[in-house]
Structures are given as C-alpha cells and as structure tokens.
Amino acid sequence: QSVLNGKMSVLKAEALNEVIHATSLDGVGIAQQGLRGLVDDNEAHIREALLNIAAELEAKMDYPQEDLSFESDEEVIETLNQIAQNTRSMAQSYQQNRIRLHGAKVAILGPVNAGKSSLFNHLVGSKRAIVSDRPGTTRDIVERRVLIDGMEICFFDTAGARFDSIDPIENEGIQMGIEIAKEADLCLLVYPVNQEPGVIVALRKEIDTVPSLLVVTHIDLVSEINIEADCMISNKSGSGIDDLLLKIRTVLGLNKTLESTHVSISQRQQTLFHLVAEHIEI
C-alpha cells in the first residue's frame, strides 16, 4: 500500500522486506542501507547520467552540422563504460549480500564411507545423521541450519557417491545430492585418506563452477599423509573442524567487511543492474 500510495519507493519496500526476513545482524545492516535510500540514490544517479548522455546523442543526431556537443565521443564512451562498471559492481554485490541476508548453503559430497555424516554431525554440533560402516547408509538429503558466529549456514549431508551402483534408489539419492550441490554456495568434497580419488575427480566435474574445499578424513588411520587438501579432519577426535569452519567463512566471504556504495539487496535488482551494464558497455 505504501508503494501504491507513493509513500515508499519499490526499492525501499524491498529493503524493508529484507530487514524483516534477514537471518543475521550483518544482513539487517545491509538491508537498512536500502531503507536509508542508498539504492534509490544509486538508481537516480545512473538514471540522470544516462538521460544526459541520451540528450547529448540525440542532439548530435538531430543537428549533425551544429556544434552542440558538450562532450567528445571518447568522453561519452568513457562515461558509459564507467556507468557499466558501477552497475556491474552493484549486481555483483548481491552474491555476498544474499548470504548475509538469507544465509549460505553448504553441501557435503564424497564417496561412500568417506565420513560425510560424521563430518556433518561435527559441523552442526549434534547427531543429526546416521553414521555406519555400511555403504549407502545415507539415502535422502539430511539438512540442518546452524548459526556460526552470527551467520546462518545450512549444511546438506548427501548420499555417498559411487557410479557403479545398480540400486535405483541409491542412484536417485546420489543424483539428488549432486543437484543440491550445483545450487550450493560451497561444496565440501570429502575424501577418505585410505581411498583412491577417482570419485572426487568425477564430482568436481559435476559441480562445475561451484566453489569447493577438499576435505581429507580418517587421518587417524594412517601414519603419513601425502595428499594436498584444504583441510585434514579426524572423524574420531574432531580435530581440524575449527580450521574447516574458518575456511568455510573465508570462501563464503563472511570474513570480509562490506563497506561499499555499490549495493543491491534483491535478485530483481541484481538482474536489472546486469541488464543496464550489458546494454551500455562499449
């Protein structure tokens, strides 16, 4: 009603909605920037700059023989490219803003008996997934939302991946896990120190461009480790979990202080800023 009655802009209405539904204090702070009018100011500045350029170009086309131009062609091009750069920065800001506003999704992938469910239980701080030596124990996706240093992260424990199973239910569970991982903000590729890495190589190809961390488990089973990994975990003692949590925060960008005038706080805004940049880049 406030938008329809002209008492609030659409951008501020979106910001108010994000303040209400933000899952962290950082998210509330980002949304409040929208309520204070930062996104409106950015949009107004872009609109004014583009209208000035449009007027400049129209005058040149209508009166090509007259010297009515205040800017050279090179200056117009430079201005357009600068606007495109700014709008792309605004669009790109939504990725980290979205995580602070709505939380992050972290999928745990790996072969059977890699210790994924044990790792999942360590990360969420309680026993939520069944742990067993029997291959294929996890069939459905198990998920749990937890607050880590004030930031909401949803962890997904997925079925153990193997590409030689003839069990249709197990294969469906594996595929569900891969699809969840493709939509995640981060994947933990869990690799048991005493297995061959073939499944991990295949999973890396499946998740494509999704950021990932290679996590080696069962390190207590061997005396010497000759594997390069992002983290080393003992499933029995839980050693390495704190290091893994720090790396998770780093990859998700949660350790960065966000101080920027280029802000977008909704997917609609992100899409529109991308479209503006695509139309004016030269």
Protein backbone atom coordinates (compact mmCIF):
# COMPACT_ATOMS: atom_id res chain seq x y z
CA GLN A 1 0.00 0.00 0.00
CA SER A 2 2.83 2.42 0.79
CA VAL A 3 4.28 1.88 -2.68
CA LEU A 4 0.90 2.26 -4.38
CA ASN A 5 0.20 5.46 -2.43
CA GLY A 6 3.58 6.91 -3.32
CA LYS A 7 4.85 6.99 0.26
CA MET A 8 7.65 4.50 -0.33
CA SER A 9 9.69 3.50 -3.36
CA VAL A 10 9.80 -0.10 -4.59
CA LEU A 11 13.48 -0.21 -3.64
CA LYS A 12 12.76 0.84 -0.06
CA ALA A 13 9.88 -1.64 0.13
CA GLU A 14 12.29 -4.40 -0.90
CA ALA A 15 14.74 -3.19 1.74
CA LEU A 16 12.04 -3.26 4.42
CA ASN A 17 11.14 -6.82 3.47
CA GLU A 18 14.81 -7.82 3.79
CA VAL A 19 15.09 -6.16 7.22
CA ILE A 20 12.15 -8.26 8.38
CA HIS A 21 13.46 -11.55 6.98
CA ALA A 22 17.23 -11.13 7.40
CA THR A 23 18.88 -14.07 9.18
CA SER A 24 21.86 -12.17 10.61
CA LEU A 25 22.74 -8.77 12.07
CA ASP A 26 25.02 -8.15 9.08
CA GLY A 27 22.01 -8.81 6.84
CA VAL A 28 19.91 -6.32 8.78
CA GLY A 29 22.67 -3.73 8.37
CA ILE A 30 22.78 -4.28 4.61
CA ALA A 31 19.00 -4.02 4.30
CA GLN A 32 19.00 -0.82 6.37
CA GLN A 33 21.25 0.77 3.75
CA GLY A 34 18.36 0.30 1.34
CA LEU A 35 15.92 1.82 3.83
CA ARG A 36 18.20 4.84 4.16
CA GLY A 37 17.90 5.33 0.42
CA LEU A 38 21.34 4.22 -0.77
CA VAL A 39 19.97 2.02 -3.57
CA ASP A 40 17.49 4.76 -4.56
CA ASP A 41 20.33 7.28 -4.73
CA ASN A 42 22.42 4.93 -6.90
CA GLU A 43 19.49 4.31 -9.23
CA ALA A 44 18.75 8.05 -9.50
CA HIS A 45 22.40 8.83 -10.25
CA ILE A 46 22.53 6.19 -13.00
CA ARG A 47 19.24 7.38 -14.49
CA GLU A 48 20.37 11.01 -14.55
CA ALA A 49 23.73 10.15 -16.13
CA LEU A 50 22.10 8.03 -18.85
CA LEU A 51 19.48 10.70 -19.60
CA ASN A 52 22.23 13.29 -20.01
CA ILE A 53 24.08 11.04 -22.44
CA ALA A 54 20.85 10.26 -24.32
CA ALA A 55 20.17 14.00 -24.69
CA GLU A 56 23.74 14.54 -25.89
CA LEU A 57 23.48 11.81 -28.53
CA GLU A 58 20.04 12.94 -29.69
CA ALA A 59 21.31 16.50 -30.22
CA LYS A 60 24.23 15.17 -32.28
CA MET A 61 21.92 13.10 -34.49
CA ASP A 62 19.30 15.81 -34.98
CA TYR A 63 21.78 18.60 -35.72
CA PRO A 64 24.95 16.92 -37.05
CA GLN A 65 26.22 20.16 -38.60
CA GLU A 66 25.91 22.20 -35.42
CA ASP A 67 28.48 22.22 -32.64
CA LEU A 68 26.00 21.48 -29.83
CA SER A 69 28.03 18.83 -28.06
CA PHE A 70 29.49 19.39 -24.62
CA GLU A 71 31.45 16.12 -24.68
CA SER A 72 33.56 14.33 -27.27
CA ASP A 73 32.68 10.84 -28.46
CA GLU A 74 35.58 9.48 -26.43
CA GLU A 75 34.28 11.15 -23.27
CA VAL A 76 30.78 9.73 -23.85
CA ILE A 77 32.23 6.24 -24.30
CA GLU A 78 34.32 6.59 -21.15
CA THR A 79 31.26 7.72 -19.18
CA LEU A 80 29.16 4.81 -20.45
CA ASN A 81 31.86 2.31 -19.57
CA GLN A 82 32.18 3.81 -16.08
CA ILE A 83 28.42 3.51 -15.56
CA ALA A 84 28.57 -0.10 -16.78
CA GLN A 85 31.39 -0.84 -14.34
CA ASN A 86 29.43 0.66 -11.45
CA THR A 87 26.24 -1.22 -12.28
CA ARG A 88 28.17 -4.50 -12.55
CA SER A 89 29.66 -3.83 -9.12
CA MET A 90 26.14 -3.27 -7.78
CA ALA A 91 24.93 -6.51 -9.34
CA GLN A 92 27.91 -8.49 -8.05
CA SER A 93 27.40 -7.17 -4.52
CA TYR A 94 24.19 -9.21 -4.28
CA GLN A 95 26.07 -12.53 -4.01
CA GLN A 96 27.66 -11.70 -0.66
CA ASN A 97 24.70 -9.59 0.42
CA ARG A 98 22.37 -12.55 -0.25
CA ILE A 99 24.43 -14.82 2.00
CA ARG A 100 24.29 -12.28 4.82
CA LEU A 101 20.58 -11.68 4.28
CA HIS A 102 19.37 -15.25 3.78
CA GLY A 103 22.26 -17.48 4.86
CA ALA A 104 24.53 -19.83 2.92
CA LYS A 105 24.09 -23.35 1.57
CA VAL A 106 26.98 -25.78 2.03
CA ALA A 107 26.74 -29.27 0.50
CA ILE A 108 28.87 -32.20 1.66
CA LEU A 109 29.80 -34.58 -1.18
CA GLY A 110 32.04 -37.60 -1.40
CA PRO A 111 32.28 -41.36 -1.95
CA VAL A 112 30.63 -43.94 0.29
CA ASN A 113 32.18 -44.38 3.75
CA ALA A 114 34.10 -41.13 3.42
CA GLY A 115 32.92 -39.89 6.81
CA LYS A 116 30.48 -37.30 5.42
CA SER A 117 27.80 -37.92 8.05
CA SER A 118 30.36 -37.79 10.88
CA LEU A 119 31.64 -34.51 9.49
CA PHE A 120 28.09 -33.22 9.15
CA ASN A 121 27.38 -34.04 12.81
CA HIS A 122 30.58 -32.25 13.90
CA LEU A 123 29.67 -29.15 11.88
CA VAL A 124 26.09 -28.85 13.15
CA GLY A 125 27.10 -29.63 16.73
CA SER A 126 24.75 -32.55 17.27
CA LYS A 127 23.98 -36.01 15.92
CA ARG A 128 21.57 -35.45 13.04
CA ALA A 129 22.80 -38.00 10.50
CA ILE A 130 23.14 -41.77 10.99
CA VAL A 131 26.75 -42.93 10.99
CA SER A 132 27.50 -46.51 9.91
CA ASP A 133 30.24 -48.58 8.23
CA ARG A 134 27.61 -49.96 5.89
CA PRO A 135 27.89 -48.38 2.39
CA GLY A 136 24.86 -46.37 1.26
CA THR A 137 23.53 -45.61 4.76
CA THR A 138 22.58 -42.08 3.75
CA ARG A 139 19.93 -42.16 1.02
CA ASP A 140 17.95 -38.93 1.48
CA ILE A 141 19.34 -35.43 1.89
CA VAL A 142 19.81 -34.50 5.55
CA GLU A 143 19.93 -30.78 6.24
CA ARG A 144 20.45 -28.64 9.28
CA ARG A 145 20.62 -24.86 9.76
CA VAL A 146 23.10 -23.56 12.32
CA LEU A 147 24.38 -20.15 13.38
CA ILE A 148 28.14 -19.80 13.13
CA ASP A 149 29.43 -16.52 14.54
CA GLY A 150 26.02 -14.99 13.93
CA MET A 151 25.76 -16.19 10.32
CA GLU A 152 23.17 -18.80 9.29
CA ILE A 153 24.59 -21.71 7.30
CA CYS A 154 22.54 -24.66 6.08
CA PHE A 155 24.60 -27.85 5.76
CA PHE A 156 23.43 -30.68 3.48
CA ASP A 157 24.61 -34.25 4.06
CA THR A 158 24.25 -36.17 0.79
CA ALA A 159 24.29 -39.81 -0.22
CA GLY A 160 27.70 -41.40 -0.75
CA ALA A 161 28.60 -41.14 -4.43
CA ARG A 162 29.57 -44.16 -6.48
CA PHE A 163 28.97 -44.61 -10.17
CA ASP A 164 28.76 -48.40 -10.31
CA SER A 165 25.65 -48.95 -8.20
CA ILE A 166 22.73 -50.93 -9.67
CA ASP A 167 20.34 -49.84 -6.89
CA PRO A 168 17.89 -47.32 -8.46
CA ILE A 169 17.02 -45.79 -5.09
CA GLU A 170 20.68 -45.27 -4.22
CA ASN A 171 21.37 -43.79 -7.66
CA GLU A 172 18.46 -41.39 -7.25
CA GLY A 173 19.84 -40.29 -3.88
CA ILE A 174 23.29 -39.70 -5.40
CA GLN A 175 21.80 -37.60 -8.20
CA MET A 176 19.73 -35.58 -5.71
CA GLY A 177 22.92 -34.78 -3.81
CA ILE A 178 24.66 -33.60 -6.97
CA GLU A 179 21.71 -31.37 -7.87
CA ILE A 180 21.71 -29.85 -4.37
CA ALA A 181 25.45 -29.23 -4.68
CA LYS A 182 25.03 -27.40 -8.00
CA GLU A 183 22.78 -24.88 -6.24
CA ALA A 184 25.01 -24.51 -3.17
CA ASP A 185 27.28 -21.60 -2.29
CA LEU A 186 30.05 -24.02 -1.34
CA CYS A 187 30.74 -27.76 -1.63
CA LEU A 188 32.84 -29.78 0.79
CA LEU A 189 34.40 -32.61 -1.21
CA VAL A 190 35.11 -35.24 1.42
CA TYR A 191 37.90 -37.62 0.51
CA PRO A 192 38.93 -40.51 2.82
CA VAL A 193 42.69 -40.75 3.13
CA ASN A 194 42.64 -44.51 2.50
CA GLN A 195 40.70 -44.43 -0.81
CA GLU A 196 41.50 -43.61 -4.41
CA PRO A 197 40.43 -40.10 -5.55
CA GLY A 198 38.51 -41.19 -8.66
CA VAL A 199 35.05 -40.33 -7.33
CA ILE A 200 36.22 -36.89 -6.17
CA VAL A 201 37.57 -36.11 -9.65
CA ALA A 202 34.20 -37.04 -11.16
CA LEU A 203 32.30 -34.96 -8.58
CA ARG A 204 34.47 -31.91 -9.31
CA LYS A 205 33.36 -32.12 -12.94
CA GLU A 206 29.71 -32.49 -11.90
CA ILE A 207 29.60 -29.39 -9.70
CA ASP A 208 31.47 -27.37 -12.34
CA THR A 209 31.98 -23.77 -11.14
CA VAL A 210 30.61 -24.13 -7.59
CA PRO A 211 33.34 -23.16 -5.07
CA SER A 212 34.69 -26.20 -3.22
CA LEU A 213 37.04 -27.28 -0.45
CA LEU A 214 38.81 -30.65 -0.49
CA VAL A 215 38.47 -32.19 2.98
CA VAL A 216 40.54 -35.29 3.78
CA THR A 217 39.05 -37.50 6.52
CA HIS A 218 40.11 -40.56 8.54
CA ILE A 219 43.58 -39.09 9.01
CA ASP A 220 43.88 -41.06 12.26
CA LEU A 221 44.01 -44.29 10.21
CA VAL A 222 47.40 -43.59 8.62
CA SER A 223 50.79 -42.55 9.95
CA GLU A 224 51.82 -40.45 6.95
CA ILE A 225 49.73 -38.25 4.67
CA ASN A 226 50.94 -37.31 1.19
CA ILE A 227 47.78 -35.64 -0.07
CA GLU A 228 47.28 -31.96 -0.80
CA ALA A 229 44.00 -30.80 0.68
CA ASP A 230 42.34 -27.69 2.09
CA CYS A 231 41.61 -29.38 5.42
CA MET A 232 42.56 -32.56 7.30
CA ILE A 233 39.88 -33.99 9.60
CA SER A 234 39.86 -36.73 12.23
CA ASN A 235 36.33 -38.11 12.45
CA LYS A 236 37.00 -39.62 15.86
CA SER A 237 38.50 -36.63 17.68
CA GLY A 238 37.03 -33.84 15.57
CA SER A 239 40.45 -32.25 15.09
CA GLY A 240 40.55 -29.92 12.11
CA ILE A 241 36.91 -28.84 12.42
CA ASP A 242 37.78 -25.32 13.64
CA ASP A 243 40.19 -24.88 10.74
CA LEU A 244 37.50 -26.07 8.32
CA LEU A 245 34.93 -23.64 9.75
CA LEU A 246 37.39 -20.77 9.29
CA LYS A 247 37.98 -21.77 5.67
CA ILE A 248 34.23 -22.06 5.07
CA ARG A 249 33.73 -18.49 6.30
CA THR A 250 36.63 -17.28 4.16
CA VAL A 251 35.38 -18.89 0.94
CA LEU A 252 31.87 -17.56 1.56
CA GLY A 253 33.31 -14.08 2.07
CA LEU A 254 31.97 -13.84 5.61
CA ASN A 255 35.29 -12.60 7.00
CA LYS A 256 35.21 -9.53 4.75
CA THR A 257 33.91 -6.19 5.92
CA LEU A 258 31.40 -4.93 3.39
CA GLU A 259 31.74 -1.18 3.03
CA SER A 260 30.64 -0.14 -0.42
CA THR A 261 28.35 2.38 -2.01
CA HIS A 262 27.54 -0.18 -4.71
CA VAL A 263 24.68 -2.18 -3.19
CA SER A 264 21.92 -4.46 -4.43
CA ILE A 265 19.74 -6.40 -2.00
CA SER A 266 17.44 -8.47 -4.20
CA GLN A 267 17.75 -10.76 -7.19
CA ARG A 268 15.46 -8.41 -9.13
CA GLN A 269 17.89 -5.55 -8.56
CA GLN A 270 20.85 -7.75 -9.48
CA THR A 271 19.21 -8.75 -12.78
CA LEU A 272 18.32 -5.17 -13.67
CA PHE A 273 21.81 -3.85 -12.92
CA HIS A 274 23.29 -6.61 -15.10
CA LEU A 275 20.91 -5.67 -17.93
CA VAL A 276 21.88 -1.99 -17.71
CA ALA A 277 25.57 -2.91 -17.93
CA GLU A 278 25.01 -5.24 -20.90
CA HIS A 279 23.11 -2.58 -22.85
CA ILE A 280 25.60 0.25 -22.40
CA GLU A 281 29.01 -1.47 -22.44
CA ILE A 282 31.09 -0.48 -25.45
